[in-house]
Amino acid sequence: MDSVTIENRSDFAQWAIQRASAIVADQGGNLALAARDESDEKVADTANALGQAIVDVLLEVFDGLVPQD
């Protein structure tokens, strides 16, 4: 993934939109298929994977905001 410099709210908003689109494209289909199959365990697993992807992205941007020593 390319490095992005976030200097203002507009940059952050654009980054967030791009990352959200990528997460939905990557994880959303799996969740929809699990819901269609009506398997509670599969829905829970794929929902957890989607949630983890969101957490990973939030940590990614947070790590970029922390000053490097």
PDB file of N, CA and C in Angstrom:
ATOM      1  N   MET A   1       0.847  -1.178   0.000  1.00  0.00           N
ATOM      2  CA  MET A   1       0.000   0.000   0.000  1.00  0.00           C
ATOM      3  C   MET A   1       0.888   1.235   0.000  1.00  0.00           C
ATOM      4  N   ASP A   2       0.474   2.223  -0.750  1.00  0.00           N
ATOM      5  CA  ASP A   2       1.221   3.466  -0.844  1.00  0.00           C
ATOM      6  C   ASP A   2       1.089   4.278   0.429  1.00  0.00           C
ATOM      7  N   SER A   3       2.113   5.050   0.705  1.00  0.00           N
ATOM      8  CA  SER A   3       2.102   5.952   1.856  1.00  0.00           C
ATOM      9  C   SER A   3       1.321   7.206   1.494  1.00  0.00           C
ATOM     10  N   VAL A   4       0.544   7.700   2.458  1.00  0.00           N
ATOM     11  CA  VAL A   4      -0.271   8.893   2.243  1.00  0.00           C
ATOM     12  C   VAL A   4       0.059   9.891   3.331  1.00  0.00           C
ATOM     13  N   THR A   5       0.233  11.140   2.939  1.00  0.00           N
ATOM     14  CA  THR A   5       0.456  12.202   3.910  1.00  0.00           C
ATOM     15  C   THR A   5      -0.871  12.880   4.185  1.00  0.00           C
ATOM     16  N   ILE A   6      -1.257  12.909   5.447  1.00  0.00           N
ATOM     17  CA  ILE A   6      -2.510  13.537   5.851  1.00  0.00           C
ATOM     18  C   ILE A   6      -2.159  14.835   6.556  1.00  0.00           C
ATOM     19  N   GLU A   7      -2.492  15.936   5.899  1.00  0.00           N
ATOM     20  CA  GLU A   7      -2.146  17.246   6.442  1.00  0.00           C
ATOM     21  C   GLU A   7      -3.345  18.024   6.959  1.00  0.00           C
ATOM     22  N   ASN A   8      -4.553  17.586   6.584  1.00  0.00           N
ATOM     23  CA  ASN A   8      -5.746  18.311   7.022  1.00  0.00           C
ATOM     24  C   ASN A   8      -6.946  17.358   7.038  1.00  0.00           C
ATOM     25  N   ARG A   9      -8.081  17.897   7.450  1.00  0.00           N
ATOM     26  CA  ARG A   9      -9.292  17.078   7.557  1.00  0.00           C
ATOM     27  C   ARG A   9      -9.731  16.534   6.203  1.00  0.00           C
ATOM     28  N   SER A  10      -9.556  17.320   5.165  1.00  0.00           N
ATOM     29  CA  SER A  10      -9.949  16.876   3.833  1.00  0.00           C
ATOM     30  C   SER A  10      -9.111  15.680   3.385  1.00  0.00           C
ATOM     31  N   ASP A  11      -7.809  15.728   3.639  1.00  0.00           N
ATOM     32  CA  ASP A  11      -6.930  14.596   3.319  1.00  0.00           C
ATOM     33  C   ASP A  11      -7.364  13.353   4.091  1.00  0.00           C
ATOM     34  N   PHE A  12      -7.687  13.536   5.377  1.00  0.00           N
ATOM     35  CA  PHE A  12      -8.107  12.407   6.202  1.00  0.00           C
ATOM     36  C   PHE A  12      -9.421  11.838   5.688  1.00  0.00           C
ATOM     37  N   ALA A  13     -10.366  12.704   5.332  1.00  0.00           N
ATOM     38  CA  ALA A  13     -11.655  12.241   4.824  1.00  0.00           C
ATOM     39  C   ALA A  13     -11.473  11.431   3.544  1.00  0.00           C
ATOM     40  N   GLN A  14     -10.619  11.915   2.655  1.00  0.00           N
ATOM     41  CA  GLN A  14     -10.369  11.190   1.406  1.00  0.00           C
ATOM     42  C   GLN A  14      -9.726   9.840   1.684  1.00  0.00           C
ATOM     43  N   TRP A  15      -8.764   9.803   2.584  1.00  0.00           N
ATOM     44  CA  TRP A  15      -8.118   8.545   2.951  1.00  0.00           C
ATOM     45  C   TRP A  15      -9.143   7.581   3.538  1.00  0.00           C
ATOM     46  N   ALA A  16      -9.997   8.071   4.431  1.00  0.00           N
ATOM     47  CA  ALA A  16     -10.994   7.225   5.078  1.00  0.00           C
ATOM     48  C   ALA A  16     -11.968   6.639   4.052  1.00  0.00           C
ATOM     49  N   ILE A  17     -12.375   7.434   3.090  1.00  0.00           N
ATOM     50  CA  ILE A  17     -13.289   6.953   2.043  1.00  0.00           C
ATOM     51  C   ILE A  17     -12.628   5.850   1.222  1.00  0.00           C
ATOM     52  N   GLN A  18     -11.384   6.052   0.855  1.00  0.00           N
ATOM     53  CA  GLN A  18     -10.670   5.054   0.063  1.00  0.00           C
ATOM     54  C   GLN A  18     -10.480   3.756   0.837  1.00  0.00           C
ATOM     55  N   ARG A  19     -10.105   3.865   2.105  1.00  0.00           N
ATOM     56  CA  ARG A  19      -9.892   2.669   2.923  1.00  0.00           C
ATOM     57  C   ARG A  19     -11.203   1.943   3.191  1.00  0.00           C
ATOM     58  N   ALA A  20     -12.286   2.702   3.452  1.00  0.00           N
ATOM     59  CA  ALA A  20     -13.590   2.084   3.678  1.00  0.00           C
ATOM     60  C   ALA A  20     -14.045   1.322   2.440  1.00  0.00           C
ATOM     61  N   SER A  21     -13.835   1.904   1.277  1.00  0.00           N
ATOM     62  CA  SER A  21     -14.203   1.230   0.028  1.00  0.00           C
ATOM     63  C   SER A  21     -13.425  -0.067  -0.137  1.00  0.00           C
ATOM     64  N   ALA A  22     -12.148  -0.026   0.179  1.00  0.00           N
ATOM     65  CA  ALA A  22     -11.316  -1.225   0.059  1.00  0.00           C
ATOM     66  C   ALA A  22     -11.758  -2.305   1.042  1.00  0.00           C
ATOM     67  N   ILE A  23     -12.092  -1.909   2.258  1.00  0.00           N
ATOM     68  CA  ILE A  23     -12.537  -2.880   3.264  1.00  0.00           C
ATOM     69  C   ILE A  23     -13.848  -3.521   2.837  1.00  0.00           C
ATOM     70  N   VAL A  24     -14.792  -2.710   2.393  1.00  0.00           N
ATOM     71  CA  VAL A  24     -16.085  -3.244   1.967  1.00  0.00           C
ATOM     72  C   VAL A  24     -15.904  -4.176   0.769  1.00  0.00           C
ATOM     73  N   ALA A  25     -15.060  -3.790  -0.172  1.00  0.00           N
ATOM     74  CA  ALA A  25     -14.816  -4.639  -1.333  1.00  0.00           C
ATOM     75  C   ALA A  25     -14.183  -5.960  -0.921  1.00  0.00           C
ATOM     76  N   ASP A  26     -13.301  -5.919   0.058  1.00  0.00           N
ATOM     77  CA  ASP A  26     -12.581  -7.112   0.482  1.00  0.00           C
ATOM     78  C   ASP A  26     -13.404  -7.992   1.415  1.00  0.00           C
ATOM     79  N   GLN A  27     -14.099  -7.401   2.354  1.00  0.00           N
ATOM     80  CA  GLN A  27     -14.777  -8.161   3.402  1.00  0.00           C
ATOM     81  C   GLN A  27     -16.300  -8.220   3.269  1.00  0.00           C
ATOM     82  N   GLY A  28     -16.885  -7.215   2.637  1.00  0.00           N
ATOM     83  CA  GLY A  28     -18.340  -7.122   2.580  1.00  0.00           C
ATOM     84  C   GLY A  28     -19.012  -8.275   1.849  1.00  0.00           C
ATOM     85  N   GLY A  29     -18.411  -8.721   0.776  1.00  0.00           N
ATOM     86  CA  GLY A  29     -18.976  -9.844   0.033  1.00  0.00           C
ATOM     87  C   GLY A  29     -19.049 -11.109   0.855  1.00  0.00           C
ATOM     88  N   ASN A  30     -18.002 -11.351   1.628  1.00  0.00           N
ATOM     89  CA  ASN A  30     -17.995 -12.532   2.490  1.00  0.00           C
ATOM     90  C   ASN A  30     -19.130 -12.481   3.507  1.00  0.00           C
ATOM     91  N   LEU A  31     -19.361 -11.302   4.068  1.00  0.00           N
ATOM     92  CA  LEU A  31     -20.428 -11.147   5.045  1.00  0.00           C
ATOM     93  C   LEU A  31     -21.795 -11.358   4.390  1.00  0.00           C
ATOM     94  N   ALA A  32     -21.978 -10.821   3.190  1.00  0.00           N
ATOM     95  CA  ALA A  32     -23.243 -10.999   2.484  1.00  0.00           C
ATOM     96  C   ALA A  32     -23.501 -12.475   2.164  1.00  0.00           C
ATOM     97  N   LEU A  33     -22.474 -13.176   1.733  1.00  0.00           N
ATOM     98  CA  LEU A  33     -22.630 -14.604   1.447  1.00  0.00           C
ATOM     99  C   LEU A  33     -22.963 -15.395   2.703  1.00  0.00           C
ATOM    100  N   ALA A  34     -22.321 -15.048   3.800  1.00  0.00           N
ATOM    101  CA  ALA A  34     -22.608 -15.741   5.060  1.00  0.00           C
ATOM    102  C   ALA A  34     -24.045 -15.491   5.491  1.00  0.00           C
ATOM    103  N   ALA A  35     -24.510 -14.269   5.334  1.00  0.00           N
ATOM    104  CA  ALA A  35     -25.894 -13.949   5.706  1.00  0.00           C
ATOM    105  C   ALA A  35     -26.875 -14.685   4.796  1.00  0.00           C
ATOM    106  N   ARG A  36     -26.548 -14.796   3.536  1.00  0.00           N
ATOM    107  CA  ARG A  36     -27.414 -15.513   2.600  1.00  0.00           C
ATOM    108  C   ARG A  36     -27.522 -16.986   2.964  1.00  0.00           C
ATOM    109  N   ASP A  37     -26.414 -17.560   3.426  1.00  0.00           N
ATOM    110  CA  ASP A  37     -26.401 -18.977   3.803  1.00  0.00           C
ATOM    111  C   ASP A  37     -27.081 -19.221   5.149  1.00  0.00           C
ATOM    112  N   GLU A  38     -27.390 -18.147   5.866  1.00  0.00           N
ATOM    113  CA  GLU A  38     -28.081 -18.208   7.158  1.00  0.00           C
ATOM    114  C   GLU A  38     -27.351 -19.061   8.195  1.00  0.00           C
ATOM    115  N   SER A  39     -26.035 -19.025   8.136  1.00  0.00           N
ATOM    116  CA  SER A  39     -25.218 -19.718   9.135  1.00  0.00           C
ATOM    117  C   SER A  39     -24.762 -18.703  10.173  1.00  0.00           C
ATOM    118  N   ASP A  40     -25.330 -18.798  11.373  1.00  0.00           N
ATOM    119  CA  ASP A  40     -24.988 -17.832  12.421  1.00  0.00           C
ATOM    120  C   ASP A  40     -23.493 -17.826  12.718  1.00  0.00           C
ATOM    121  N   GLU A  41     -22.884 -19.001  12.731  1.00  0.00           N
ATOM    122  CA  GLU A  41     -21.453 -19.085  13.019  1.00  0.00           C
ATOM    123  C   GLU A  41     -20.631 -18.412  11.916  1.00  0.00           C
ATOM    124  N   LYS A  42     -21.019 -18.646  10.671  1.00  0.00           N
ATOM    125  CA  LYS A  42     -20.295 -18.043   9.554  1.00  0.00           C
ATOM    126  C   LYS A  42     -20.495 -16.526   9.532  1.00  0.00           C
ATOM    127  N   VAL A  43     -21.711 -16.065   9.841  1.00  0.00           N
ATOM    128  CA  VAL A  43     -21.971 -14.622   9.910  1.00  0.00           C
ATOM    129  C   VAL A  43     -21.104 -14.002  11.000  1.00  0.00           C
ATOM    130  N   ALA A  44     -21.051 -14.643  12.162  1.00  0.00           N
ATOM    131  CA  ALA A  44     -20.241 -14.121  13.263  1.00  0.00           C
ATOM    132  C   ALA A  44     -18.766 -14.068  12.880  1.00  0.00           C
ATOM    133  N   ASP A  45     -18.272 -15.114  12.247  1.00  0.00           N
ATOM    134  CA  ASP A  45     -16.860 -15.147  11.846  1.00  0.00           C
ATOM    135  C   ASP A  45     -16.531 -14.050  10.836  1.00  0.00           C
ATOM    136  N   THR A  46     -17.392 -13.890   9.837  1.00  0.00           N
ATOM    137  CA  THR A  46     -17.106 -12.885   8.819  1.00  0.00           C
ATOM    138  C   THR A  46     -17.319 -11.472   9.356  1.00  0.00           C
ATOM    139  N   ALA A  47     -18.281 -11.300  10.255  1.00  0.00           N
ATOM    140  CA  ALA A  47     -18.470  -9.990  10.886  1.00  0.00           C
ATOM    141  C   ALA A  47     -17.257  -9.638  11.737  1.00  0.00           C
ATOM    142  N   ASN A  48     -16.717 -10.620  12.427  1.00  0.00           N
ATOM    143  CA  ASN A  48     -15.503 -10.380  13.214  1.00  0.00           C
ATOM    144  C   ASN A  48     -14.325 -10.025  12.310  1.00  0.00           C
ATOM    145  N   ALA A  49     -14.221 -10.667  11.168  1.00  0.00           N
ATOM    146  CA  ALA A  49     -13.139 -10.349  10.224  1.00  0.00           C
ATOM    147  C   ALA A  49     -13.297  -8.919   9.701  1.00  0.00           C
ATOM    148  N   LEU A  50     -14.524  -8.515   9.422  1.00  0.00           N
ATOM    149  CA  LEU A  50     -14.782  -7.145   8.978  1.00  0.00           C
ATOM    150  C   LEU A  50     -14.408  -6.158  10.075  1.00  0.00           C
ATOM    151  N   GLY A  51     -14.816  -6.456  11.300  1.00  0.00           N
ATOM    152  CA  GLY A  51     -14.467  -5.596  12.432  1.00  0.00           C
ATOM    153  C   GLY A  51     -12.964  -5.509  12.632  1.00  0.00           C
ATOM    154  N   GLN A  52     -12.268  -6.621  12.479  1.00  0.00           N
ATOM    155  CA  GLN A  52     -10.815  -6.623  12.641  1.00  0.00           C
ATOM    156  C   GLN A  52     -10.150  -5.790  11.555  1.00  0.00           C
ATOM    157  N   ALA A  53     -10.673  -5.847  10.345  1.00  0.00           N
ATOM    158  CA  ALA A  53     -10.129  -5.030   9.263  1.00  0.00           C
ATOM    159  C   ALA A  53     -10.267  -3.546   9.589  1.00  0.00           C
ATOM    160  N   ILE A  54     -11.394  -3.171  10.172  1.00  0.00           N
ATOM    161  CA  ILE A  54     -11.605  -1.781  10.571  1.00  0.00           C
ATOM    162  C   ILE A  54     -10.624  -1.389  11.665  1.00  0.00           C
ATOM    163  N   VAL A  55     -10.454  -2.236  12.659  1.00  0.00           N
ATOM    164  CA  VAL A  55      -9.504  -1.967  13.742  1.00  0.00           C
ATOM    165  C   VAL A  55      -8.092  -1.815  13.193  1.00  0.00           C
ATOM    166  N   ASP A  56      -7.714  -2.700  12.283  1.00  0.00           N
ATOM    167  CA  ASP A  56      -6.371  -2.643  11.699  1.00  0.00           C
ATOM    168  C   ASP A  56      -6.124  -1.302  11.000  1.00  0.00           C
ATOM    169  N   VAL A  57      -7.129  -0.812  10.276  1.00  0.00           N
ATOM    170  CA  VAL A  57      -6.984   0.465   9.578  1.00  0.00           C
ATOM    171  C   VAL A  57      -6.882   1.615  10.568  1.00  0.00           C
ATOM    172  N   LEU A  58      -7.691   1.581  11.616  1.00  0.00           N
ATOM    173  CA  LEU A  58      -7.619   2.633  12.621  1.00  0.00           C
ATOM    174  C   LEU A  58      -6.247   2.652  13.289  1.00  0.00           C
ATOM    175  N   LEU A  59      -5.699   1.491  13.586  1.00  0.00           N
ATOM    176  CA  LEU A  59      -4.361   1.424  14.171  1.00  0.00           C
ATOM    177  C   LEU A  59      -3.309   1.909  13.183  1.00  0.00           C
ATOM    178  N   GLU A  60      -3.523   1.617  11.914  1.00  0.00           N
ATOM    179  CA  GLU A  60      -2.588   2.071  10.874  1.00  0.00           C
ATOM    180  C   GLU A  60      -2.483   3.591  10.871  1.00  0.00           C
ATOM    181  N   VAL A  61      -3.621   4.260  10.880  1.00  0.00           N
ATOM    182  CA  VAL A  61      -3.585   5.722  10.850  1.00  0.00           C
ATOM    183  C   VAL A  61      -3.099   6.272  12.185  1.00  0.00           C
ATOM    184  N   PHE A  62      -3.466   5.651  13.289  1.00  0.00           N
ATOM    185  CA  PHE A  62      -3.005   6.100  14.594  1.00  0.00           C
ATOM    186  C   PHE A  62      -1.491   6.009  14.682  1.00  0.00           C
ATOM    187  N   ASP A  63      -0.930   4.899  14.220  1.00  0.00           N
ATOM    188  CA  ASP A  63       0.526   4.744  14.243  1.00  0.00           C
ATOM    189  C   ASP A  63       1.218   5.825  13.411  1.00  0.00           C
ATOM    190  N   GLY A  64       0.554   6.298  12.361  1.00  0.00           N
ATOM    191  CA  GLY A  64       1.119   7.359  11.551  1.00  0.00           C
ATOM    192  C   GLY A  64       1.062   8.713  12.227  1.00  0.00           C
ATOM    193  N   LEU A  65       0.186   8.866  13.221  1.00  0.00           N
ATOM    194  CA  LEU A  65       0.059  10.134  13.918  1.00  0.00           C
ATOM    195  C   LEU A  65       0.997  10.258  15.108  1.00  0.00           C
ATOM    196  N   VAL A  66       1.483   9.125  15.592  1.00  0.00           N
ATOM    197  CA  VAL A  66       2.368   9.129  16.746  1.00  0.00           C
ATOM    198  C   VAL A  66       3.765   9.562  16.301  1.00  0.00           C
ATOM    199  N   PRO A  67       4.331  10.586  16.979  1.00  0.00           N
ATOM    200  CA  PRO A  67       5.681  11.035  16.603  1.00  0.00           C
ATOM    201  C   PRO A  67       6.707   9.924  16.783  1.00  0.00           C
ATOM    202  N   GLN A  68       7.573   9.799  15.803  1.00  0.00           N
ATOM    203  CA  GLN A  68       8.645   8.812  15.881  1.00  0.00           C
ATOM    204  C   GLN A  68       9.812   9.378  16.683  1.00  0.00           C
ATOM    205  N   ASP A  69      10.328   8.603  17.622  1.00  0.00           N
ATOM    206  CA  ASP A  69      11.464   9.044  18.451  1.00  0.00           C
ATOM    207  C   ASP A  69      12.769   8.925  17.731  1.00  0.00           C
TER     208      ASP A  69
END
